[in-house]
């Protein structure tokens, strides 16, 4: 796990987002040799449009560069109406292009998050994992954590925090099967 850089995409734009706070906590408590870098600017991305692919603009170019240079990607997201937030879907769409050669191709990725529902965001997390997989990313399934926040203080509960920390360690240490 030495010198592993993980780019973190946060699916909520809200400044006081619980998932943003989770991303910040995970970055602050990253294991030795692992750096989590929260990627800002997802709200600045234009809506994906094939007409813009040749010249997508600085926000898209920077996002692609950041993801290309990262060793891994961690998506930290809530669930909006039983799926992924539009800003996250838009980022994944941009990262999937050009077709079969986007910045997310072959990138090792996992998804975690907190929602106030009893399901913990599992539908959004499954949708994000599916989209990443279709775009060519490698999803670390056993590092997905969908945490409900309706009955527990997720930031005070040691067991919950241990699950999130373990997810980061699994993502950082994951070695894809040789083909």
Protein backbone atom coordinates (compact mmCIF):
# COMPACT_ATOMS: atom_id res chain seq x y z
CA UNK A 1 0.00 0.00 0.00
CA UNK A 2 2.97 2.36 -0.10
CA UNK A 3 2.50 5.65 -1.91
CA UNK A 4 -1.04 4.97 -3.12
CA UNK A 5 -2.93 8.02 -4.37
CA UNK A 6 -6.71 7.81 -4.21
CA UNK A 7 -8.84 10.43 -5.95
CA UNK A 8 -12.12 10.96 -4.10
CA UNK A 9 -15.28 11.96 -5.97
CA UNK A 10 -18.00 13.28 -3.65
CA UNK A 11 -21.53 12.94 -5.03
CA UNK A 12 -22.96 15.84 -3.03
CA UNK A 13 -22.20 19.49 -3.76
CA UNK A 14 -23.61 20.74 -0.45
CA UNK A 15 -20.89 22.35 1.68
CA UNK A 16 -22.09 20.65 4.88
CA UNK A 17 -22.79 17.31 3.22
CA UNK A 18 -22.46 14.28 5.48
CA UNK A 19 -20.69 12.47 2.65
CA UNK A 20 -18.27 15.38 2.16
CA UNK A 21 -17.51 15.21 5.88
CA UNK A 22 -16.97 11.46 5.55
CA UNK A 23 -14.56 12.01 2.65
CA UNK A 24 -12.65 14.60 4.68
CA UNK A 25 -12.47 12.25 7.68
CA UNK A 26 -11.23 9.37 5.54
CA UNK A 27 -8.61 11.65 3.98
CA UNK A 28 -7.44 12.87 7.40
CA UNK A 29 -7.22 9.31 8.76
CA UNK A 30 -5.80 7.55 5.69
CA UNK A 31 -3.48 4.63 6.38
CA UNK A 32 0.25 5.22 6.20
CA UNK A 33 1.40 5.42 2.59
CA UNK A 34 -2.09 6.27 1.31
CA UNK A 35 -3.19 9.75 0.26
CA UNK A 36 -6.83 10.60 -0.39
CA UNK A 37 -7.31 13.70 -2.54
CA UNK A 38 -10.84 15.11 -2.69
CA UNK A 39 -11.59 16.21 -6.23
CA UNK A 40 -13.34 19.56 -6.26
CA UNK A 41 -15.16 21.14 -9.17
CA UNK A 42 -17.70 18.47 -10.11
CA UNK A 43 -20.36 21.16 -10.10
CA UNK A 44 -18.34 23.09 -12.71
CA UNK A 45 -18.50 20.29 -15.28
CA UNK A 46 -20.78 20.99 -18.22
CA UNK A 47 -23.48 18.42 -18.81
CA UNK A 48 -21.99 15.61 -20.88
CA UNK A 49 -22.49 16.35 -24.56
CA UNK A 50 -20.70 14.56 -27.40
CA UNK A 51 -20.59 17.87 -29.26
CA UNK A 52 -18.17 19.12 -26.57
CA UNK A 53 -15.83 16.12 -26.60
CA UNK A 54 -13.20 17.70 -28.85
CA UNK A 55 -12.95 20.74 -26.56
CA UNK A 56 -14.61 19.88 -23.24
CA UNK A 57 -13.18 22.79 -21.27
CA UNK A 58 -10.86 23.19 -18.31
CA UNK A 59 -13.09 21.52 -15.68
CA UNK A 60 -13.34 18.29 -17.68
CA UNK A 61 -9.67 18.36 -18.66
CA UNK A 62 -8.63 18.79 -15.00
CA UNK A 63 -10.96 16.02 -13.80
CA UNK A 64 -9.59 13.61 -16.39
CA UNK A 65 -5.99 14.52 -15.50
CA UNK A 66 -6.61 14.01 -11.79
CA UNK A 67 -8.23 10.62 -12.31
CA UNK A 68 -5.57 9.50 -14.80
CA UNK A 69 -2.80 10.37 -12.33
CA UNK A 70 -4.50 8.66 -9.37
CA UNK A 71 -3.80 5.04 -8.49
CA UNK A 72 -7.36 4.43 -7.31
CA UNK A 73 -10.73 6.20 -7.15
CA UNK A 74 -13.09 6.31 -4.18
CA UNK A 75 -16.62 7.52 -4.74
CA UNK A 76 -18.30 8.88 -1.60
CA UNK A 77 -21.93 9.53 -2.34
CA UNK A 78 -25.42 9.86 -0.96
CA UNK A 79 -28.45 8.47 -2.73
CA UNK A 80 -30.91 10.78 -4.48
CA UNK A 81 -34.27 9.24 -5.35
CA UNK A 82 -32.86 5.71 -5.24
CA UNK A 83 -29.93 6.40 -7.57
CA UNK A 84 -26.70 8.38 -7.93
CA UNK A 85 -26.74 12.17 -7.84
CA UNK A 86 -26.71 13.82 -11.27
CA UNK A 87 -23.38 15.55 -10.65
CA UNK A 88 -21.70 12.18 -10.04
CA UNK A 89 -23.33 10.54 -13.06
CA UNK A 90 -22.18 13.46 -15.19
CA UNK A 91 -18.58 13.06 -13.92
CA UNK A 92 -18.65 9.34 -14.69
CA UNK A 93 -19.96 10.08 -18.18
CA UNK A 94 -17.08 12.48 -18.84
CA UNK A 95 -14.55 10.02 -17.40
CA UNK A 96 -15.87 7.24 -19.63
CA UNK A 97 -14.98 9.14 -22.82
CA UNK A 98 -13.51 8.73 -25.31
CA UNK A 99 -15.26 5.39 -25.64
CA UNK A 100 -13.12 2.46 -24.44
CA UNK A 101 -10.23 4.80 -23.59
CA UNK A 102 -11.57 7.18 -20.93
CA UNK A 103 -9.70 8.17 -17.78
CA UNK A 104 -11.72 5.64 -15.72
CA UNK A 105 -10.72 2.67 -17.91
CA UNK A 106 -8.83 0.05 -15.88
CA UNK A 107 -8.95 2.33 -12.82
CA UNK A 108 -9.57 0.51 -9.52
CA UNK A 109 -12.66 2.01 -7.86
CA UNK A 110 -14.93 1.56 -4.88
CA UNK A 111 -18.02 3.30 -3.54
CA UNK A 112 -19.01 4.23 -0.01
CA UNK A 113 -21.52 6.57 1.53
CA UNK A 114 -24.05 7.51 4.13
CA UNK A 115 -27.77 8.20 3.76
CA UNK A 116 -30.51 8.88 6.29
CA UNK A 117 -32.55 5.98 4.86
CA UNK A 118 -32.62 2.41 6.18
CA UNK A 119 -30.86 1.24 3.00
CA UNK A 120 -27.72 3.35 3.37
CA UNK A 121 -27.54 4.31 -0.29
CA UNK A 122 -27.14 0.77 -1.60
CA UNK A 123 -29.03 1.51 -4.82
CA UNK A 124 -26.90 4.56 -5.60
CA UNK A 125 -23.77 2.61 -4.78
CA UNK A 126 -24.83 -0.28 -7.01
CA UNK A 127 -25.66 2.16 -9.84
CA UNK A 128 -22.30 3.91 -9.47
CA UNK A 129 -20.47 0.56 -9.47
CA UNK A 130 -22.39 -0.57 -12.55
CA UNK A 131 -21.66 2.66 -14.43
CA UNK A 132 -17.97 2.50 -13.52
CA UNK A 133 -17.79 -1.14 -14.60
CA UNK A 134 -19.44 -0.42 -17.93
CA UNK A 135 -17.03 2.48 -18.44
CA UNK A 136 -14.12 0.05 -18.00
CA UNK A 137 -13.23 0.59 -14.36
CA UNK A 138 -12.46 -2.27 -11.98
CA UNK A 139 -14.88 -2.18 -9.03
CA UNK A 140 -13.70 -3.56 -5.68
CA UNK A 141 -17.01 -5.04 -4.58
CA UNK A 142 -15.95 -5.98 -1.05
CA UNK A 143 -14.90 -2.37 -0.37
CA UNK A 144 -18.40 -0.98 -0.95
CA UNK A 145 -19.99 0.38 2.23
CA UNK A 146 -23.62 1.56 2.22
CA UNK A 147 -24.27 3.01 5.67
CA UNK A 148 -27.71 4.00 6.99
CA UNK A 149 -27.59 6.98 9.34
CA UNK A 150 -31.13 6.88 10.66
CA UNK A 151 -30.36 4.91 13.84
CA UNK A 152 -26.68 5.56 14.54
CA UNK A 153 -24.28 8.49 14.77
CA UNK A 154 -21.99 7.34 11.98
CA UNK A 155 -19.14 9.60 13.09
CA UNK A 156 -19.23 8.43 16.72
CA UNK A 157 -19.80 4.72 16.13
CA UNK A 158 -16.45 2.88 16.16
CA UNK A 159 -17.82 -0.14 14.26
CA UNK A 160 -19.14 2.04 11.43
CA UNK A 161 -15.88 3.97 11.21
CA UNK A 162 -13.94 0.70 11.15
CA UNK A 163 -15.98 -0.43 8.11
CA UNK A 164 -15.13 2.77 6.25
CA UNK A 165 -11.45 2.53 7.17
CA UNK A 166 -11.37 -1.11 6.08
CA UNK A 167 -12.92 -0.12 2.74
CA UNK A 168 -10.13 2.39 2.12
CA UNK A 169 -7.50 -0.22 3.03
CA UNK A 170 -9.10 -2.82 0.73
CA UNK A 171 -9.26 -0.30 -2.12
CA UNK A 172 -5.65 0.78 -1.62
CA UNK A 173 -4.36 -2.78 -1.40
CA UNK A 174 -6.49 -4.35 -4.13
CA UNK A 175 -4.62 -6.27 -6.80
CA UNK A 176 -6.65 -7.19 -9.88
CA UNK A 177 -6.49 -10.77 -11.11
CA UNK A 178 -3.97 -11.34 -13.87
CA UNK A 179 -5.49 -11.95 -17.28
